PDB file of N, CA and C in Angstrom:
ATOM      1  N   MET A   1      98.955 114.455  69.064  1.00  0.00           N
ATOM      2  CA  MET A   1      97.370 114.512  69.221  1.00  0.00           C
ATOM      3  C   MET A   1      97.069 114.436  70.835  1.00  0.00           C
ATOM      4  N   ALA A   2      96.427 115.249  71.324  1.00  0.00           N
ATOM      5  CA  ALA A   2      95.860 115.563  72.571  1.00  0.00           C
ATOM      6  C   ALA A   2      94.702 114.665  72.886  1.00  0.00           C
ATOM      7  N   VAL A   3      94.734 114.111  74.000  1.00  0.00           N
ATOM      8  CA  VAL A   3      93.634 113.324  74.440  1.00  0.00           C
ATOM      9  C   VAL A   3      92.778 114.235  75.133  1.00  0.00           C
ATOM     10  N   HIS A   4      91.553 114.365  75.043  1.00  0.00           N
ATOM     11  CA  HIS A   4      90.498 115.306  76.092  1.00  0.00           C
ATOM     12  C   HIS A   4      90.244 114.413  76.775  1.00  0.00           C
ATOM     13  N   GLY A   5      90.024 114.814  78.335  1.00  0.00           N
ATOM     14  CA  GLY A   5      89.062 114.450  79.345  1.00  0.00           C
ATOM     15  C   GLY A   5      89.940 113.363  79.835  1.00  0.00           C
ATOM     16  N   ARG A   6      90.947 113.017  79.889  1.00  0.00           N
ATOM     17  CA  ARG A   6      91.766 112.056  80.608  1.00  0.00           C
ATOM     18  C   ARG A   6      92.876 112.994  81.308  1.00  0.00           C
ATOM     19  N   LYS A   7      92.968 112.452  82.638  1.00  0.00           N
ATOM     20  CA  LYS A   7      93.883 113.042  83.385  1.00  0.00           C
ATOM     21  C   LYS A   7      94.859 112.211  83.794  1.00  0.00           C
ATOM     22  N   LYS A   8      96.078 112.707  84.003  1.00  0.00           N
ATOM     23  CA  LYS A   8      97.232 111.906  84.364  1.00  0.00           C
ATOM     24  C   LYS A   8      97.157 111.490  85.718  1.00  0.00           C
ATOM     25  N   LYS A   9      97.544 110.046  85.811  1.00  0.00           N
ATOM     26  CA  LYS A   9      97.519 109.882  87.122  1.00  0.00           C
ATOM     27  C   LYS A   9      98.791 109.850  87.933  1.00  0.00           C
ATOM     28  N   ARG A  10      99.048 110.575  89.151  1.00  0.00           N
ATOM     29  CA  ARG A  10     100.002 110.741  89.988  1.00  0.00           C
ATOM     30  C   ARG A  10     100.369 109.490  90.834  1.00  0.00           C
ATOM     31  N   LYS A  11     101.468 108.928  90.755  1.00  0.00           N
ATOM     32  CA  LYS A  11     101.958 108.028  91.534  1.00  0.00           C
ATOM     33  C   LYS A  11     102.376 108.778  92.972  1.00  0.00           C
ATOM     34  N   ILE A  12     101.761 107.903  94.042  1.00  0.00           N
ATOM     35  CA  ILE A  12     102.080 108.427  95.302  1.00  0.00           C
ATOM     36  C   ILE A  12     102.991 107.292  95.856  1.00  0.00           C
ATOM     37  N   LYS A  13     104.384 108.032  96.552  1.00  0.00           N
ATOM     38  CA  LYS A  13     105.245 107.192  96.650  1.00  0.00           C
ATOM     39  C   LYS A  13     105.319 106.968  98.331  1.00  0.00           C
ATOM     40  N   MET A  14     104.519 106.168  98.814  1.00  0.00           N
ATOM     41  CA  MET A  14     104.538 105.909 100.141  1.00  0.00           C
ATOM     42  C   MET A  14     104.657 104.152 100.275  1.00  0.00           C
ATOM     43  N   LYS A  15     105.160 103.700 101.192  1.00  0.00           N
ATOM     44  CA  LYS A  15     105.180 102.154 101.538  1.00  0.00           C
ATOM     45  C   LYS A  15     104.921 101.871 102.996  1.00  0.00           C
ATOM     46  N   ILE A  16     104.292 100.803 102.991  1.00  0.00           N
ATOM     47  CA  ILE A  16     103.990 100.450 104.242  1.00  0.00           C
ATOM     48  C   ILE A  16     105.343  99.703 105.112  1.00  0.00           C
ATOM     49  N   THR A  17     105.846  99.824 106.301  1.00  0.00           N
ATOM     50  CA  THR A  17     106.693  99.135 107.079  1.00  0.00           C
ATOM     51  C   THR A  17     105.960  98.363 108.133  1.00  0.00           C
ATOM     52  N   TYR A  18     106.729  97.330 108.383  1.00  0.00           N
ATOM     53  CA  TYR A  18     106.341  96.204 109.428  1.00  0.00           C
ATOM     54  C   TYR A  18     107.266  96.416 110.615  1.00  0.00           C
ATOM     55  N   ASN A  19     108.065  97.179 110.591  1.00  0.00           N
ATOM     56  CA  ASN A  19     109.302  97.688 111.561  1.00  0.00           C
ATOM     57  C   ASN A  19     108.780  97.558 112.985  1.00  0.00           C
ATOM     58  N   LYS A  20     107.687  97.835 113.292  1.00  0.00           N
ATOM     59  CA  LYS A  20     106.783  98.193 114.598  1.00  0.00           C
ATOM     60  C   LYS A  20     106.503  96.671 114.984  1.00  0.00           C
ATOM     61  N   LEU A  21     106.147  95.722 113.992  1.00  0.00           N
ATOM     62  CA  LEU A  21     105.929  94.549 114.395  1.00  0.00           C
ATOM     63  C   LEU A  21     107.012  93.645 114.742  1.00  0.00           C
ATOM     64  N   TRP A  22     108.119  93.967 114.170  1.00  0.00           N
ATOM     65  CA  TRP A  22     109.525  93.157 114.422  1.00  0.00           C
ATOM     66  C   TRP A  22     109.934  93.288 115.861  1.00  0.00           C
ATOM     67  N   LYS A  23     109.898  94.688 116.099  1.00  0.00           N
ATOM     68  CA  LYS A  23     110.382  95.173 117.582  1.00  0.00           C
ATOM     69  C   LYS A  23     109.688  94.745 118.424  1.00  0.00           C
ATOM     70  N   LEU A  24     107.953  94.937 118.381  1.00  0.00           N
ATOM     71  CA  LEU A  24     107.109  94.282 119.377  1.00  0.00           C
ATOM     72  C   LEU A  24     107.460  92.512 119.488  1.00  0.00           C
ATOM     73  N   LEU A  25     107.856  91.880 118.344  1.00  0.00           N
ATOM     74  CA  LEU A  25     108.116  90.329 118.533  1.00  0.00           C
ATOM     75  C   LEU A  25     109.259  90.328 119.418  1.00  0.00           C
ATOM     76  N   ILE A  26     110.282  90.878 119.211  1.00  0.00           N
ATOM     77  CA  ILE A  26     111.558  91.213 120.192  1.00  0.00           C
ATOM     78  C   ILE A  26     111.192  91.436 121.463  1.00  0.00           C
ATOM     79  N   ASP A  27     110.496  92.628 121.674  1.00  0.00           N
ATOM     80  CA  ASP A  27     109.859  92.729 123.179  1.00  0.00           C
ATOM     81  C   ASP A  27     109.128  91.664 123.768  1.00  0.00           C
ATOM     82  N   LYS A  28     108.418  91.068 123.200  1.00  0.00           N
ATOM     83  CA  LYS A  28     107.606  90.001 123.712  1.00  0.00           C
ATOM     84  C   LYS A  28     108.293  88.458 123.543  1.00  0.00           C
ATOM     85  N   ASN A  29     109.568  88.514 123.092  1.00  0.00           N
ATOM     86  CA  ASN A  29     110.426  87.391 123.001  1.00  0.00           C
ATOM     87  C   ASN A  29     109.941  86.169 122.274  1.00  0.00           C
ATOM     88  N   LEU A  30     109.375  86.668 121.012  1.00  0.00           N
ATOM     89  CA  LEU A  30     108.813  85.600 120.041  1.00  0.00           C
ATOM     90  C   LEU A  30     109.503  86.034 118.677  1.00  0.00           C
ATOM     91  N   LYS A  31     109.523  84.797 118.015  1.00  0.00           N
ATOM     92  CA  LYS A  31     110.335  84.826 116.671  1.00  0.00           C
ATOM     93  C   LYS A  31     108.973  84.693 115.493  1.00  0.00           C
ATOM     94  N   ARG A  32     109.340  84.999 114.211  1.00  0.00           N
ATOM     95  CA  ARG A  32     108.335  84.974 113.527  1.00  0.00           C
ATOM     96  C   ARG A  32     107.714  83.891 113.327  1.00  0.00           C
ATOM     97  N   LYS A  33     108.474  82.559 113.353  1.00  0.00           N
ATOM     98  CA  LYS A  33     107.593  81.322 113.478  1.00  0.00           C
ATOM     99  C   LYS A  33     106.692  80.994 114.537  1.00  0.00           C
ATOM    100  N   ASP A  34     106.995  81.783 115.590  1.00  0.00           N
ATOM    101  CA  ASP A  34     105.965  81.749 116.526  1.00  0.00           C
ATOM    102  C   ASP A  34     104.821  82.350 116.246  1.00  0.00           C
ATOM    103  N   LEU A  35     105.150  83.710 115.523  1.00  0.00           N
ATOM    104  CA  LEU A  35     103.847  84.490 115.377  1.00  0.00           C
ATOM    105  C   LEU A  35     102.769  83.661 114.289  1.00  0.00           C
ATOM    106  N   CYS A  36     103.682  82.922 113.319  1.00  0.00           N
ATOM    107  CA  CYS A  36     102.777  82.222 112.429  1.00  0.00           C
ATOM    108  C   CYS A  36     102.050  81.186 113.281  1.00  0.00           C
ATOM    109  N   ASN A  37     102.511  80.347 114.197  1.00  0.00           N
ATOM    110  CA  ASN A  37     101.871  79.436 114.722  1.00  0.00           C
ATOM    111  C   ASN A  37     100.666  80.172 115.689  1.00  0.00           C
ATOM    112  N   LEU A  38     100.998  81.524 116.178  1.00  0.00           N
ATOM    113  CA  LEU A  38      99.876  81.633 116.841  1.00  0.00           C
ATOM    114  C   LEU A  38      98.767  82.469 115.856  1.00  0.00           C
ATOM    115  N   THR A  39      99.173  83.025 114.837  1.00  0.00           N
ATOM    116  CA  THR A  39      98.089  83.554 113.934  1.00  0.00           C
ATOM    117  C   THR A  39      97.392  82.485 113.094  1.00  0.00           C
ATOM    118  N   LYS A  40      97.924  81.533 112.581  1.00  0.00           N
ATOM    119  CA  LYS A  40      97.564  80.788 111.409  1.00  0.00           C
ATOM    120  C   LYS A  40      97.868  81.326 110.195  1.00  0.00           C
ATOM    121  N   ILE A  41      98.953  82.070 110.131  1.00  0.00           N
ATOM    122  CA  ILE A  41      99.493  82.633 108.825  1.00  0.00           C
ATOM    123  C   ILE A  41     100.478  81.827 107.927  1.00  0.00           C
ATOM    124  N   SER A  42     100.467  81.860 106.817  1.00  0.00           N
ATOM    125  CA  SER A  42     101.287  80.963 105.968  1.00  0.00           C
ATOM    126  C   SER A  42     102.819  81.671 106.032  1.00  0.00           C
ATOM    127  N   ALA A  43     103.655  80.874 105.773  1.00  0.00           N
ATOM    128  CA  ALA A  43     105.100  81.273 105.381  1.00  0.00           C
ATOM    129  C   ALA A  43     105.265  82.144 104.408  1.00  0.00           C
ATOM    130  N   ALA A  44     104.279  82.415 103.340  1.00  0.00           N
ATOM    131  CA  ALA A  44     104.247  83.391 102.039  1.00  0.00           C
ATOM    132  C   ALA A  44     103.933  84.487 102.827  1.00  0.00           C
ATOM    133  N   THR A  45     102.852  84.536 103.453  1.00  0.00           N
ATOM    134  CA  THR A  45     102.312  85.903 104.178  1.00  0.00           C
ATOM    135  C   THR A  45     103.396  86.441 104.965  1.00  0.00           C
ATOM    136  N   MET A  46     103.869  85.684 105.688  1.00  0.00           N
ATOM    137  CA  MET A  46     105.202  86.259 106.604  1.00  0.00           C
ATOM    138  C   MET A  46     106.181  86.700 105.695  1.00  0.00           C
ATOM    139  N   ALA A  47     106.558  86.093 104.590  1.00  0.00           N
ATOM    140  CA  ALA A  47     107.472  86.572 103.702  1.00  0.00           C
ATOM    141  C   ALA A  47     107.314  87.920 102.959  1.00  0.00           C
ATOM    142  N   LYS A  48     105.796  88.174 102.822  1.00  0.00           N
ATOM    143  CA  LYS A  48     105.002  89.551 102.240  1.00  0.00           C
ATOM    144  C   LYS A  48     105.490  90.416 103.515  1.00  0.00           C
ATOM    145  N   LEU A  49     105.227  90.222 104.648  1.00  0.00           N
ATOM    146  CA  LEU A  49     105.369  91.063 105.751  1.00  0.00           C
ATOM    147  C   LEU A  49     106.764  91.434 105.681  1.00  0.00           C
ATOM    148  N   GLY A  50     107.770  90.341 105.620  1.00  0.00           N
ATOM    149  CA  GLY A  50     109.072  90.942 105.918  1.00  0.00           C
ATOM    150  C   GLY A  50     109.600  91.691 104.604  1.00  0.00           C
ATOM    151  N   LYS A  51     108.915  91.623 103.444  1.00  0.00           N
ATOM    152  CA  LYS A  51     109.322  92.335 102.615  1.00  0.00           C
ATOM    153  C   LYS A  51     108.465  93.628 102.281  1.00  0.00           C
ATOM    154  N   GLY A  52     107.654  94.092 103.370  1.00  0.00           N
ATOM    155  CA  GLY A  52     106.762  95.209 103.439  1.00  0.00           C
ATOM    156  C   GLY A  52     105.850  95.252 102.343  1.00  0.00           C
ATOM    157  N   LYS A  53     105.245  94.050 101.782  1.00  0.00           N
ATOM    158  CA  LYS A  53     104.251  94.334 100.785  1.00  0.00           C
ATOM    159  C   LYS A  53     102.906  94.255 101.666  1.00  0.00           C
ATOM    160  N   ASN A  54     101.938  94.746 100.796  1.00  0.00           N
ATOM    161  CA  ASN A  54     100.621  94.430 101.198  1.00  0.00           C
ATOM    162  C   ASN A  54     100.201  93.022 101.563  1.00  0.00           C
ATOM    163  N   VAL A  55      99.433  93.084 102.802  1.00  0.00           N
ATOM    164  CA  VAL A  55      98.522  91.825 103.161  1.00  0.00           C
ATOM    165  C   VAL A  55      97.239  92.129 103.440  1.00  0.00           C
ATOM    166  N   ASN A  56      96.390  91.130 103.480  1.00  0.00           N
ATOM    167  CA  ASN A  56      94.947  91.349 104.021  1.00  0.00           C
ATOM    168  C   ASN A  56      95.011  91.815 105.270  1.00  0.00           C
ATOM    169  N   THR A  57      93.769  92.836 105.290  1.00  0.00           N
ATOM    170  CA  THR A  57      93.478  93.249 106.579  1.00  0.00           C
ATOM    171  C   THR A  57      92.960  92.197 107.395  1.00  0.00           C
ATOM    172  N   GLU A  58      92.451  91.148 107.239  1.00  0.00           N
ATOM    173  CA  GLU A  58      92.206  90.285 108.347  1.00  0.00           C
ATOM    174  C   GLU A  58      93.367  89.590 108.851  1.00  0.00           C
ATOM    175  N   ILE A  59      94.527  89.351 108.176  1.00  0.00           N
ATOM    176  CA  ILE A  59      95.789  89.132 108.636  1.00  0.00           C
ATOM    177  C   ILE A  59      96.208  90.037 109.696  1.00  0.00           C
ATOM    178  N   LEU A  60      96.137  91.347 109.436  1.00  0.00           N
ATOM    179  CA  LEU A  60      96.970  92.335 110.493  1.00  0.00           C
ATOM    180  C   LEU A  60      96.013  92.232 111.452  1.00  0.00           C
ATOM    181  N   ILE A  61      94.722  92.117 111.528  1.00  0.00           N
ATOM    182  CA  ILE A  61      93.763  91.921 112.868  1.00  0.00           C
ATOM    183  C   ILE A  61      93.936  90.791 113.497  1.00  0.00           C
ATOM    184  N   ARG A  62      94.170  89.666 112.959  1.00  0.00           N
ATOM    185  CA  ARG A  62      94.600  88.447 113.873  1.00  0.00           C
ATOM    186  C   ARG A  62      95.969  88.695 114.491  1.00  0.00           C
ATOM    187  N   ILE A  63      96.949  89.355 113.685  1.00  0.00           N
ATOM    188  CA  ILE A  63      98.075  89.430 114.434  1.00  0.00           C
ATOM    189  C   ILE A  63      97.958  90.326 115.856  1.00  0.00           C
ATOM    190  N   CYS A  64      97.072  91.539 115.466  1.00  0.00           N
ATOM    191  CA  CYS A  64      96.983  92.516 116.615  1.00  0.00           C
ATOM    192  C   CYS A  64      96.090  91.682 117.903  1.00  0.00           C
ATOM    193  N   LYS A  65      95.339  90.739 117.542  1.00  0.00           N
ATOM    194  CA  LYS A  65      94.614  90.091 118.394  1.00  0.00           C
ATOM    195  C   LYS A  65      95.853  88.923 119.100  1.00  0.00           C
ATOM    196  N   ALA A  66      96.407  88.412 118.419  1.00  0.00           N
ATOM    197  CA  ALA A  66      97.475  87.367 119.197  1.00  0.00           C
ATOM    198  C   ALA A  66      98.385  88.228 119.812  1.00  0.00           C
ATOM    199  N   LEU A  67      98.744  89.372 119.607  1.00  0.00           N
ATOM    200  CA  LEU A  67      99.684  90.412 120.551  1.00  0.00           C
ATOM    201  C   LEU A  67      99.193  91.261 121.045  1.00  0.00           C
ATOM    202  N   ASN A  68      97.881  91.396 121.275  1.00  0.00           N
ATOM    203  CA  ASN A  68      97.092  92.055 122.012  1.00  0.00           C
ATOM    204  C   ASN A  68      97.560  93.497 121.942  1.00  0.00           C
ATOM    205  N   CYS A  69      97.382  94.177 120.673  1.00  0.00           N
ATOM    206  CA  CYS A  69      97.796  95.523 120.615  1.00  0.00           C
ATOM    207  C   CYS A  69      97.047  95.919 119.216  1.00  0.00           C
ATOM    208  N   ASN A  70      97.230  97.206 118.926  1.00  0.00           N
ATOM    209  CA  ASN A  70      96.661  97.816 118.035  1.00  0.00           C
ATOM    210  C   ASN A  70      97.414  97.857 116.571  1.00  0.00           C
ATOM    211  N   ILE A  71      96.728  97.902 115.476  1.00  0.00           N
ATOM    212  CA  ILE A  71      97.382  97.996 113.992  1.00  0.00           C
ATOM    213  C   ILE A  71      98.407  99.316 114.062  1.00  0.00           C
ATOM    214  N   THR A  72      98.572 100.289 114.840  1.00  0.00           N
ATOM    215  CA  THR A  72      99.443 101.264 114.753  1.00  0.00           C
ATOM    216  C   THR A  72     100.576 100.665 115.549  1.00  0.00           C
ATOM    217  N   ASP A  73     100.643  99.685 116.291  1.00  0.00           N
ATOM    218  CA  ASP A  73     101.493  99.085 117.072  1.00  0.00           C
ATOM    219  C   ASP A  73     102.462  98.184 116.280  1.00  0.00           C
ATOM    220  N   ILE A  74     102.065  97.794 115.128  1.00  0.00           N
ATOM    221  CA  ILE A  74     102.615  96.820 114.177  1.00  0.00           C
ATOM    222  C   ILE A  74     102.916  97.392 112.805  1.00  0.00           C
ATOM    223  N   MET A  75     102.608  98.265 112.427  1.00  0.00           N
ATOM    224  CA  MET A  75     102.605  99.001 111.105  1.00  0.00           C
ATOM    225  C   MET A  75     102.797 100.560 110.900  1.00  0.00           C
ATOM    226  N   GLU A  76     103.192 100.769 109.916  1.00  0.00           N
ATOM    227  CA  GLU A  76     103.245 102.487 109.637  1.00  0.00           C
ATOM    228  C   GLU A  76     103.326 102.813 108.314  1.00  0.00           C
ATOM    229  N   VAL A  77     102.972 103.772 107.795  1.00  0.00           N
ATOM    230  CA  VAL A  77     103.307 104.038 106.306  1.00  0.00           C
ATOM    231  C   VAL A  77     104.342 105.237 106.404  1.00  0.00           C
ATOM    232  N   GLU A  78     105.230 105.056 105.358  1.00  0.00           N
ATOM    233  CA  GLU A  78     106.255 106.201 105.319  1.00  0.00           C
ATOM    234  C   GLU A  78     106.391 106.475 103.792  1.00  0.00           C
ATOM    235  N   GLU A  79     106.948 107.872 103.920  1.00  0.00           N
ATOM    236  CA  GLU A  79     106.909 108.508 102.102  1.00  0.00           C
ATOM    237  C   GLU A  79     108.300 107.995 101.757  1.00  0.00           C
TER     238      GLU A  79
END
C-alpha cells in the first residue's frame, strides 16, 4: 500500500569535530581541566566535546571567549 504525500527523509552524514579545539589547547599549553575551570563547563559537557557530540551554542561561545578565538577556530563539520 502506497502512502501519498509523505516524503522519505534523507539522513545527512556529517559530524562535528572539535579537533581544532584540542590543538588550540595544546598551543596555549592548557589541559581540558583548565578549560573546564576557565569556562565553568561540566565534566559531562567536556566528555561530549571529547566524543564529538553536540553541545549548546552558549558553551561554544564561552569557550571562544575564554580562548579569545572564533567558533571556526575550535570546531568544524566533516562529511
